[in-house]
PDB file of N, CA and C in Angstrom:
ATOM      1  N   MET A   1      44.717  22.376  41.633  1.00  0.00           N
ATOM      2  CA  MET A   1      45.703  23.343  42.079  1.00  0.00           C
ATOM      3  C   MET A   1      46.534  22.711  43.195  1.00  0.00           C
ATOM      4  N   GLU A   2      47.809  22.615  42.990  1.00  0.00           N
ATOM      5  CA  GLU A   2      48.718  22.013  43.965  1.00  0.00           C
ATOM      6  C   GLU A   2      48.817  22.868  45.223  1.00  0.00           C
ATOM      7  N   ILE A   3      49.048  22.195  46.344  1.00  0.00           N
ATOM      8  CA  ILE A   3      49.263  22.878  47.612  1.00  0.00           C
ATOM      9  C   ILE A   3      50.397  22.171  48.349  1.00  0.00           C
ATOM     10  N   ALA A   4      51.206  22.966  49.039  1.00  0.00           N
ATOM     11  CA  ALA A   4      52.254  22.425  49.899  1.00  0.00           C
ATOM     12  C   ALA A   4      51.905  22.803  51.330  1.00  0.00           C
ATOM     13  N   ALA A   5      52.288  21.952  52.253  1.00  0.00           N
ATOM     14  CA  ALA A   5      52.084  22.248  53.673  1.00  0.00           C
ATOM     15  C   ALA A   5      53.367  21.901  54.418  1.00  0.00           C
ATOM     16  N   VAL A   6      53.695  22.743  55.372  1.00  0.00           N
ATOM     17  CA  VAL A   6      54.865  22.525  56.209  1.00  0.00           C
ATOM     18  C   VAL A   6      54.386  22.470  57.650  1.00  0.00           C
ATOM     19  N   GLU A   7      54.711  21.382  58.335  1.00  0.00           N
ATOM     20  CA  GLU A   7      54.392  21.248  59.752  1.00  0.00           C
ATOM     21  C   GLU A   7      55.688  21.215  60.552  1.00  0.00           C
ATOM     22  N   ILE A   8      55.698  21.957  61.620  1.00  0.00           N
ATOM     23  CA  ILE A   8      56.795  21.909  62.578  1.00  0.00           C
ATOM     24  C   ILE A   8      56.215  21.303  63.850  1.00  0.00           C
ATOM     25  N   ILE A   9      56.809  20.200  64.275  1.00  0.00           N
ATOM     26  CA  ILE A   9      56.309  19.461  65.436  1.00  0.00           C
ATOM     27  C   ILE A   9      57.414  19.430  66.485  1.00  0.00           C
ATOM     28  N   LYS A  10      57.095  19.905  67.675  1.00  0.00           N
ATOM     29  CA  LYS A  10      58.079  19.964  68.757  1.00  0.00           C
ATOM     30  C   LYS A  10      57.846  18.832  69.743  1.00  0.00           C
ATOM     31  N   ALA A  11      58.888  18.045  69.966  1.00  0.00           N
ATOM     32  CA  ALA A  11      58.816  16.922  70.897  1.00  0.00           C
ATOM     33  C   ALA A  11      58.780  17.420  72.335  1.00  0.00           C
ATOM     34  N   LYS A  12      58.063  16.687  73.163  1.00  0.00           N
ATOM     35  CA  LYS A  12      58.118  16.957  74.598  1.00  0.00           C
ATOM     36  C   LYS A  12      59.517  16.588  75.081  1.00  0.00           C
ATOM     37  N   GLU A  13      59.945  17.209  76.142  1.00  0.00           N
ATOM     38  CA  GLU A  13      61.267  16.938  76.684  1.00  0.00           C
ATOM     39  C   GLU A  13      61.425  15.444  76.975  1.00  0.00           C
ATOM     40  N   GLY A  14      62.524  14.881  76.488  1.00  0.00           N
ATOM     41  CA  GLY A  14      62.816  13.469  76.715  1.00  0.00           C
ATOM     42  C   GLY A  14      62.091  12.518  75.774  1.00  0.00           C
ATOM     43  N   LYS A  15      61.348  13.032  74.805  1.00  0.00           N
ATOM     44  CA  LYS A  15      60.541  12.189  73.916  1.00  0.00           C
ATOM     45  C   LYS A  15      60.968  12.275  72.447  1.00  0.00           C
ATOM     46  N   VAL A  16      62.156  12.808  72.191  1.00  0.00           N
ATOM     47  CA  VAL A  16      62.606  13.002  70.806  1.00  0.00           C
ATOM     48  C   VAL A  16      62.698  11.674  70.064  1.00  0.00           C
ATOM     49  N   LYS A  17      63.337  10.675  70.649  1.00  0.00           N
ATOM     50  CA  LYS A  17      63.504   9.383  69.967  1.00  0.00           C
ATOM     51  C   LYS A  17      62.165   8.731  69.676  1.00  0.00           C
ATOM     52  N   GLU A  18      61.259   8.781  70.636  1.00  0.00           N
ATOM     53  CA  GLU A  18      59.945   8.171  70.450  1.00  0.00           C
ATOM     54  C   GLU A  18      59.145   8.889  69.363  1.00  0.00           C
ATOM     55  N   LEU A  19      59.214  10.225  69.348  1.00  0.00           N
ATOM     56  CA  LEU A  19      58.500  10.983  68.328  1.00  0.00           C
ATOM     57  C   LEU A  19      59.108  10.733  66.952  1.00  0.00           C
ATOM     58  N   ARG A  20      60.438  10.686  66.869  1.00  0.00           N
ATOM     59  CA  ARG A  20      61.100  10.394  65.591  1.00  0.00           C
ATOM     60  C   ARG A  20      60.617   9.056  65.044  1.00  0.00           C
ATOM     61  N   LYS A  21      60.545   8.048  65.893  1.00  0.00           N
ATOM     62  CA  LYS A  21      60.101   6.719  65.470  1.00  0.00           C
ATOM     63  C   LYS A  21      58.640   6.760  65.005  1.00  0.00           C
ATOM     64  N   ALA A  22      57.777   7.392  65.783  1.00  0.00           N
ATOM     65  CA  ALA A  22      56.350   7.457  65.437  1.00  0.00           C
ATOM     66  C   ALA A  22      56.133   8.204  64.123  1.00  0.00           C
ATOM     67  N   LEU A  23      56.808   9.327  63.942  1.00  0.00           N
ATOM     68  CA  LEU A  23      56.664  10.094  62.701  1.00  0.00           C
ATOM     69  C   LEU A  23      57.246   9.330  61.515  1.00  0.00           C
ATOM     70  N   SER A  24      58.368   8.662  61.720  1.00  0.00           N
ATOM     71  CA  SER A  24      58.989   7.877  60.655  1.00  0.00           C
ATOM     72  C   SER A  24      58.069   6.760  60.181  1.00  0.00           C
ATOM     73  N   GLU A  25      57.334   6.165  61.100  1.00  0.00           N
ATOM     74  CA  GLU A  25      56.387   5.107  60.731  1.00  0.00           C
ATOM     75  C   GLU A  25      55.177   5.662  59.986  1.00  0.00           C
ATOM     76  N   LEU A  26      54.857   6.909  60.227  1.00  0.00           N
ATOM     77  CA  LEU A  26      53.722   7.558  59.577  1.00  0.00           C
ATOM     78  C   LEU A  26      54.017   7.909  58.114  1.00  0.00           C
ATOM     79  N   VAL A  27      55.267   8.216  57.800  1.00  0.00           N
ATOM     80  CA  VAL A  27      55.647   8.695  56.463  1.00  0.00           C
ATOM     81  C   VAL A  27      55.212   7.754  55.341  1.00  0.00           C
ATOM     82  N   PRO A  28      55.590   6.474  55.337  1.00  0.00           N
ATOM     83  CA  PRO A  28      55.205   5.632  54.196  1.00  0.00           C
ATOM     84  C   PRO A  28      53.693   5.442  54.055  1.00  0.00           C
ATOM     85  N   ILE A  29      52.979   5.505  55.157  1.00  0.00           N
ATOM     86  CA  ILE A  29      51.519   5.389  55.112  1.00  0.00           C
ATOM     87  C   ILE A  29      50.920   6.616  54.434  1.00  0.00           C
ATOM     88  N   CYS A  30      51.385   7.795  54.838  1.00  0.00           N
ATOM     89  CA  CYS A  30      50.845   9.042  54.282  1.00  0.00           C
ATOM     90  C   CYS A  30      51.218   9.224  52.818  1.00  0.00           C
ATOM     91  N   ARG A  31      52.361   8.714  52.411  1.00  0.00           N
ATOM     92  CA  ARG A  31      52.763   8.819  51.009  1.00  0.00           C
ATOM     93  C   ARG A  31      51.791   8.094  50.084  1.00  0.00           C
ATOM     94  N   LYS A  32      51.062   7.133  50.615  1.00  0.00           N
ATOM     95  CA  LYS A  32      50.084   6.379  49.822  1.00  0.00           C
ATOM     96  C   LYS A  32      48.736   7.081  49.747  1.00  0.00           C
ATOM     97  N   GLY A  33      48.604   8.202  50.450  1.00  0.00           N
ATOM     98  CA  GLY A  33      47.337   8.928  50.473  1.00  0.00           C
ATOM     99  C   GLY A  33      46.967   9.477  49.106  1.00  0.00           C
ATOM    100  N   GLU A  34      45.673   9.558  48.867  1.00  0.00           N
ATOM    101  CA  GLU A  34      45.175  10.074  47.594  1.00  0.00           C
ATOM    102  C   GLU A  34      45.686  11.487  47.348  1.00  0.00           C
ATOM    103  N   GLY A  35      46.308  11.689  46.210  1.00  0.00           N
ATOM    104  CA  GLY A  35      46.786  13.010  45.830  1.00  0.00           C
ATOM    105  C   GLY A  35      48.116  13.408  46.431  1.00  0.00           C
ATOM    106  N   CYS A  36      48.764  12.521  47.170  1.00  0.00           N
ATOM    107  CA  CYS A  36      50.048  12.870  47.787  1.00  0.00           C
ATOM    108  C   CYS A  36      51.155  12.891  46.735  1.00  0.00           C
ATOM    109  N   LEU A  37      51.839  14.008  46.630  1.00  0.00           N
ATOM    110  CA  LEU A  37      52.976  14.156  45.725  1.00  0.00           C
ATOM    111  C   LEU A  37      54.291  14.039  46.491  1.00  0.00           C
ATOM    112  N   GLN A  38      54.263  14.420  47.764  1.00  0.00           N
ATOM    113  CA  GLN A  38      55.470  14.387  48.587  1.00  0.00           C
ATOM    114  C   GLN A  38      55.059  14.365  50.049  1.00  0.00           C
ATOM    115  N   TYR A  39      55.772  13.582  50.834  1.00  0.00           N
ATOM    116  CA  TYR A  39      55.554  13.549  52.283  1.00  0.00           C
ATOM    117  C   TYR A  39      56.881  13.125  52.900  1.00  0.00           C
ATOM    118  N   ASP A  40      57.646  14.095  53.391  1.00  0.00           N
ATOM    119  CA  ASP A  40      58.989  13.836  53.893  1.00  0.00           C
ATOM    120  C   ASP A  40      59.171  14.409  55.291  1.00  0.00           C
ATOM    121  N   LEU A  41      59.989  13.732  56.065  1.00  0.00           N
ATOM    122  CA  LEU A  41      60.271  14.108  57.452  1.00  0.00           C
ATOM    123  C   LEU A  41      61.708  14.593  57.560  1.00  0.00           C
ATOM    124  N   TYR A  42      61.896  15.726  58.233  1.00  0.00           N
ATOM    125  CA  TYR A  42      63.223  16.313  58.430  1.00  0.00           C
ATOM    126  C   TYR A  42      63.402  16.677  59.897  1.00  0.00           C
ATOM    127  N   GLU A  43      64.673  16.768  60.300  1.00  0.00           N
ATOM    128  CA  GLU A  43      64.989  17.347  61.602  1.00  0.00           C
ATOM    129  C   GLU A  43      66.227  18.221  61.446  1.00  0.00           C
ATOM    130  N   PRO A  44      66.405  19.204  62.324  1.00  0.00           N
ATOM    131  CA  PRO A  44      67.539  20.117  62.200  1.00  0.00           C
ATOM    132  C   PRO A  44      68.873  19.385  62.354  1.00  0.00           C
ATOM    133  N   LYS A  45      69.865  19.916  61.713  1.00  0.00           N
ATOM    134  CA  LYS A  45      71.211  19.339  61.759  1.00  0.00           C
ATOM    135  C   LYS A  45      71.696  19.174  63.200  1.00  0.00           C
ATOM    136  N   LYS A  46      71.361  20.133  64.047  1.00  0.00           N
ATOM    137  CA  LYS A  46      71.834  20.088  65.434  1.00  0.00           C
ATOM    138  C   LYS A  46      70.822  19.476  66.389  1.00  0.00           C
ATOM    139  N   GLY A  47      69.720  18.941  65.887  1.00  0.00           N
ATOM    140  CA  GLY A  47      68.757  18.224  66.714  1.00  0.00           C
ATOM    141  C   GLY A  47      68.190  19.008  67.877  1.00  0.00           C
ATOM    142  N   SER A  48      67.209  19.830  67.620  1.00  0.00           N
ATOM    143  CA  SER A  48      66.619  20.674  68.663  1.00  0.00           C
ATOM    144  C   SER A  48      65.342  20.080  69.250  1.00  0.00           C
ATOM    145  N   GLY A  49      64.990  18.872  68.838  1.00  0.00           N
ATOM    146  CA  GLY A  49      63.733  18.281  69.304  1.00  0.00           C
ATOM    147  C   GLY A  49      62.552  18.679  68.456  1.00  0.00           C
ATOM    148  N   GLU A  50      62.834  19.322  67.332  1.00  0.00           N
ATOM    149  CA  GLU A  50      61.783  19.689  66.394  1.00  0.00           C
ATOM    150  C   GLU A  50      61.905  18.827  65.148  1.00  0.00           C
ATOM    151  N   PHE A  51      60.761  18.629  64.497  1.00  0.00           N
ATOM    152  CA  PHE A  51      60.716  17.906  63.239  1.00  0.00           C
ATOM    153  C   PHE A  51      59.898  18.724  62.258  1.00  0.00           C
ATOM    154  N   MET A  52      60.261  18.604  60.984  1.00  0.00           N
ATOM    155  CA  MET A  52      59.516  19.270  59.935  1.00  0.00           C
ATOM    156  C   MET A  52      58.954  18.202  59.004  1.00  0.00           C
ATOM    157  N   VAL A  53      57.670  18.303  58.730  1.00  0.00           N
ATOM    158  CA  VAL A  53      57.041  17.448  57.729  1.00  0.00           C
ATOM    159  C   VAL A  53      56.730  18.341  56.528  1.00  0.00           C
ATOM    160  N   LEU A  54      57.300  17.970  55.384  1.00  0.00           N
ATOM    161  CA  LEU A  54      57.087  18.713  54.157  1.00  0.00           C
ATOM    162  C   LEU A  54      56.173  17.882  53.270  1.00  0.00           C
ATOM    163  N   MET A  55      55.012  18.448  52.955  1.00  0.00           N
ATOM    164  CA  MET A  55      54.002  17.731  52.176  1.00  0.00           C
ATOM    165  C   MET A  55      53.643  18.527  50.932  1.00  0.00           C
ATOM    166  N   ARG A  56      53.346  17.800  49.866  1.00  0.00           N
ATOM    167  CA  ARG A  56      52.776  18.406  48.653  1.00  0.00           C
ATOM    168  C   ARG A  56      51.620  17.520  48.217  1.00  0.00           C
ATOM    169  N   TRP A  57      50.526  18.171  47.863  1.00  0.00           N
ATOM    170  CA  TRP A  57      49.302  17.476  47.460  1.00  0.00           C
ATOM    171  C   TRP A  57      48.826  18.026  46.130  1.00  0.00           C
ATOM    172  N   LYS A  58      48.174  17.195  45.339  1.00  0.00           N
ATOM    173  CA  LYS A  58      47.656  17.619  44.031  1.00  0.00           C
ATOM    174  C   LYS A  58      46.617  18.713  44.157  1.00  0.00           C
ATOM    175  N   ASP A  59      45.872  18.702  45.271  1.00  0.00           N
ATOM    176  CA  ASP A  59      44.749  19.622  45.430  1.00  0.00           C
ATOM    177  C   ASP A  59      44.534  19.880  46.925  1.00  0.00           C
ATOM    178  N   PRO A  60      44.073  21.077  47.302  1.00  0.00           N
ATOM    179  CA  PRO A  60      43.774  21.336  48.707  1.00  0.00           C
ATOM    180  C   PRO A  60      42.789  20.327  49.309  1.00  0.00           C
ATOM    181  N   LYS A  61      41.893  19.793  48.491  1.00  0.00           N
ATOM    182  CA  LYS A  61      40.946  18.792  48.987  1.00  0.00           C
ATOM    183  C   LYS A  61      41.675  17.521  49.431  1.00  0.00           C
ATOM    184  N   ASP A  62      42.773  17.182  48.749  1.00  0.00           N
ATOM    185  CA  ASP A  62      43.558  16.010  49.142  1.00  0.00           C
ATOM    186  C   ASP A  62      44.226  16.233  50.501  1.00  0.00           C
ATOM    187  N   LEU A  63      44.718  17.444  50.725  1.00  0.00           N
ATOM    188  CA  LEU A  63      45.292  17.778  52.029  1.00  0.00           C
ATOM    189  C   LEU A  63      44.224  17.691  53.109  1.00  0.00           C
ATOM    190  N   ALA A  64      43.045  18.214  52.828  1.00  0.00           N
ATOM    191  CA  ALA A  64      41.945  18.162  53.804  1.00  0.00           C
ATOM    192  C   ALA A  64      41.565  16.714  54.118  1.00  0.00           C
ATOM    193  N   LYS A  65      41.527  15.861  53.109  1.00  0.00           N
ATOM    194  CA  LYS A  65      41.233  14.437  53.335  1.00  0.00           C
ATOM    195  C   LYS A  65      42.300  13.801  54.210  1.00  0.00           C
ATOM    196  N   HIS A  66      43.553  14.138  53.942  1.00  0.00           N
ATOM    197  CA  HIS A  66      44.665  13.631  54.747  1.00  0.00           C
ATOM    198  C   HIS A  66      44.502  14.038  56.209  1.00  0.00           C
ATOM    199  N   GLU A  67      44.235  15.323  56.428  1.00  0.00           N
ATOM    200  CA  GLU A  67      44.132  15.841  57.791  1.00  0.00           C
ATOM    201  C   GLU A  67      42.980  15.223  58.572  1.00  0.00           C
ATOM    202  N   SER A  68      41.934  14.796  57.878  1.00  0.00           N
ATOM    203  CA  SER A  68      40.787  14.197  58.559  1.00  0.00           C
ATOM    204  C   SER A  68      40.768  12.665  58.440  1.00  0.00           C
ATOM    205  N   SER A  69      41.862  12.102  57.946  1.00  0.00           N
ATOM    206  CA  SER A  69      41.922  10.650  57.746  1.00  0.00           C
ATOM    207  C   SER A  69      42.016   9.909  59.083  1.00  0.00           C
ATOM    208  N   LYS A  70      41.633   8.656  59.054  1.00  0.00           N
ATOM    209  CA  LYS A  70      41.713   7.809  60.252  1.00  0.00           C
ATOM    210  C   LYS A  70      43.157   7.659  60.716  1.00  0.00           C
ATOM    211  N   VAL A  71      44.102   7.628  59.781  1.00  0.00           N
ATOM    212  CA  VAL A  71      45.515   7.487  60.134  1.00  0.00           C
ATOM    213  C   VAL A  71      45.978   8.670  60.982  1.00  0.00           C
ATOM    214  N   ILE A  72      45.654   9.872  60.552  1.00  0.00           N
ATOM    215  CA  ILE A  72      46.069  11.067  61.293  1.00  0.00           C
ATOM    216  C   ILE A  72      45.273  11.187  62.589  1.00  0.00           C
ATOM    217  N   GLU A  73      44.003  10.869  62.539  1.00  0.00           N
ATOM    218  CA  GLU A  73      43.170  10.892  63.743  1.00  0.00           C
ATOM    219  C   GLU A  73      43.749   9.941  64.808  1.00  0.00           C
ATOM    220  N   GLU A  74      44.130   8.746  64.399  1.00  0.00           N
ATOM    221  CA  GLU A  74      44.696   7.760  65.315  1.00  0.00           C
ATOM    222  C   GLU A  74      46.053   8.220  65.850  1.00  0.00           C
ATOM    223  N   PHE A  75      46.879   8.793  64.975  1.00  0.00           N
ATOM    224  CA  PHE A  75      48.188   9.296  65.400  1.00  0.00           C
ATOM    225  C   PHE A  75      48.020  10.356  66.483  1.00  0.00           C
ATOM    226  N   CYS A  76      47.130  11.292  66.253  1.00  0.00           N
ATOM    227  CA  CYS A  76      46.884  12.359  67.225  1.00  0.00           C
ATOM    228  C   CYS A  76      46.332  11.799  68.535  1.00  0.00           C
ATOM    229  N   ARG A  77      45.436  10.857  68.428  1.00  0.00           N
ATOM    230  CA  ARG A  77      44.848  10.255  69.631  1.00  0.00           C
ATOM    231  C   ARG A  77      45.914   9.553  70.470  1.00  0.00           C
ATOM    232  N   MET A  78      46.839   8.874  69.802  1.00  0.00           N
ATOM    233  CA  MET A  78      47.858   8.109  70.512  1.00  0.00           C
ATOM    234  C   MET A  78      48.982   8.968  71.078  1.00  0.00           C
ATOM    235  N   TYR A  79      49.369  10.036  70.359  1.00  0.00           N
ATOM    236  CA  TYR A  79      50.610  10.731  70.711  1.00  0.00           C
ATOM    237  C   TYR A  79      50.469  12.185  71.127  1.00  0.00           C
ATOM    238  N   ASP A  80      49.352  12.843  70.807  1.00  0.00           N
ATOM    239  CA  ASP A  80      49.193  14.253  71.153  1.00  0.00           C
ATOM    240  C   ASP A  80      49.286  14.426  72.663  1.00  0.00           C
ATOM    241  N   GLY A  81      50.184  15.287  73.089  1.00  0.00           N
ATOM    242  CA  GLY A  81      50.363  15.541  74.512  1.00  0.00           C
ATOM    243  C   GLY A  81      51.271  14.542  75.201  1.00  0.00           C
ATOM    244  N   LEU A  82      51.538  13.413  74.558  1.00  0.00           N
ATOM    245  CA  LEU A  82      52.442  12.418  75.132  1.00  0.00           C
ATOM    246  C   LEU A  82      53.849  12.550  74.565  1.00  0.00           C
ATOM    247  N   LEU A  83      53.942  12.647  73.240  1.00  0.00           N
ATOM    248  CA  LEU A  83      55.246  12.770  72.592  1.00  0.00           C
ATOM    249  C   LEU A  83      55.521  14.185  72.093  1.00  0.00           C
ATOM    250  N   TYR A  84      54.483  14.937  71.798  1.00  0.00           N
ATOM    251  CA  TYR A  84      54.664  16.306  71.305  1.00  0.00           C
ATOM    252  C   TYR A  84      53.593  17.195  71.914  1.00  0.00           C
ATOM    253  N   ASP A  85      53.912  18.470  71.977  1.00  0.00           N
ATOM    254  CA  ASP A  85      52.935  19.393  72.552  1.00  0.00           C
ATOM    255  C   ASP A  85      52.711  20.625  71.696  1.00  0.00           C
ATOM    256  N   GLU A  86      53.369  20.683  70.560  1.00  0.00           N
ATOM    257  CA  GLU A  86      53.205  21.862  69.714  1.00  0.00           C
ATOM    258  C   GLU A  86      53.327  21.466  68.249  1.00  0.00           C
ATOM    259  N   VAL A  87      52.354  21.882  67.440  1.00  0.00           N
ATOM    260  CA  VAL A  87      52.387  21.669  65.992  1.00  0.00           C
ATOM    261  C   VAL A  87      51.991  22.980  65.328  1.00  0.00           C
ATOM    262  N   LYS A  88      52.819  23.419  64.415  1.00  0.00           N
ATOM    263  CA  LYS A  88      52.502  24.609  63.623  1.00  0.00           C
ATOM    264  C   LYS A  88      52.477  24.193  62.164  1.00  0.00           C
ATOM    265  N   GLN A  89      51.418  24.568  61.465  1.00  0.00           N
ATOM    266  CA  GLN A  89      51.309  24.224  60.041  1.00  0.00           C
ATOM    267  C   GLN A  89      51.061  25.482  59.230  1.00  0.00           C
ATOM    268  N   THR A  90      51.773  25.578  58.122  1.00  0.00           N
ATOM    269  CA  THR A  90      51.514  26.639  57.149  1.00  0.00           C
ATOM    270  C   THR A  90      51.242  25.978  55.810  1.00  0.00           C
ATOM    271  N   GLU A  91      50.381  26.598  55.027  1.00  0.00           N
ATOM    272  CA  GLU A  91      50.032  26.084  53.705  1.00  0.00           C
ATOM    273  C   GLU A  91      50.552  27.058  52.664  1.00  0.00           C
ATOM    274  N   TRP A  92      51.028  26.493  51.564  1.00  0.00           N
ATOM    275  CA  TRP A  92      51.688  27.278  50.519  1.00  0.00           C
ATOM    276  C   TRP A  92      51.116  26.904  49.156  1.00  0.00           C
ATOM    277  N   TYR A  93      50.871  27.907  48.337  1.00  0.00           N
ATOM    278  CA  TYR A  93      50.384  27.702  46.973  1.00  0.00           C
ATOM    279  C   TYR A  93      51.441  28.171  45.989  1.00  0.00           C
ATOM    280  N   PRO A  94      51.478  27.577  44.795  1.00  0.00           N
ATOM    281  CA  PRO A  94      52.396  28.076  43.771  1.00  0.00           C
ATOM    282  C   PRO A  94      52.097  29.545  43.467  1.00  0.00           C
ATOM    283  N   VAL A  95      53.108  30.323  43.241  1.00  0.00           N
ATOM    284  CA  VAL A  95      52.941  31.740  42.940  1.00  0.00           C
ATOM    285  C   VAL A  95      52.021  31.896  41.736  1.00  0.00           C
ATOM    286  N   GLY A  96      51.053  32.790  41.859  1.00  0.00           N
ATOM    287  CA  GLY A  96      50.095  33.039  40.788  1.00  0.00           C
ATOM    288  C   GLY A  96      48.813  32.227  40.931  1.00  0.00           C
ATOM    289  N   LEU A  97      48.787  31.294  41.898  1.00  0.00           N
ATOM    290  CA  LEU A  97      47.606  30.465  42.086  1.00  0.00           C
ATOM    291  C   LEU A  97      47.034  30.597  43.503  1.00  0.00           C
ATOM    292  N   LYS A  98      47.484  31.575  44.234  1.00  0.00           N
ATOM    293  CA  LYS A  98      47.064  31.744  45.618  1.00  0.00           C
ATOM    294  C   LYS A  98      45.583  32.123  45.701  1.00  0.00           C
ATOM    295  N   ASN A  99      44.898  31.503  46.641  1.00  0.00           N
ATOM    296  CA  ASN A  99      43.508  31.827  46.948  1.00  0.00           C
ATOM    297  C   ASN A  99      42.587  31.765  45.732  1.00  0.00           C
ATOM    298  N   GLY A 100      42.814  30.789  44.884  1.00  0.00           N
ATOM    299  CA  GLY A 100      41.902  30.588  43.773  1.00  0.00           C
ATOM    300  C   GLY A 100      42.174  31.473  42.560  1.00  0.00           C
ATOM    301  N   ASP A 101      43.288  32.195  42.536  1.00  0.00           N
ATOM    302  CA  ASP A 101      43.642  33.008  41.365  1.00  0.00           C
ATOM    303  C   ASP A 101      44.194  32.084  40.290  1.00  0.00           C
ATOM    304  N   PHE A 102      43.340  31.626  39.400  1.00  0.00           N
ATOM    305  CA  PHE A 102      43.763  30.668  38.385  1.00  0.00           C
ATOM    306  C   PHE A 102      44.136  31.360  37.099  1.00  0.00           C
TER     307      PHE A 102
END
């Protein structure tokens, strides 16, 4: 069952360029993750210091593996609280398949 996840990451004041670079470097690595169908980075047209990561995975288990991967663990260890201070994630299922309704 496919799952999509949307993360909104807010840069700390004065750290937008550094966060953009760090997230941009993360994208090609995460795209190689098991079950990754999509992993793209966006920012608003007017640049508010926020970034959106749009992900699609073949299965919720693939998303869980991604979230607990060494790559993400290392990213958080290096940058959490230094480049960003807020992350909001929502998970989305295809209509008709929500919460295990197959």
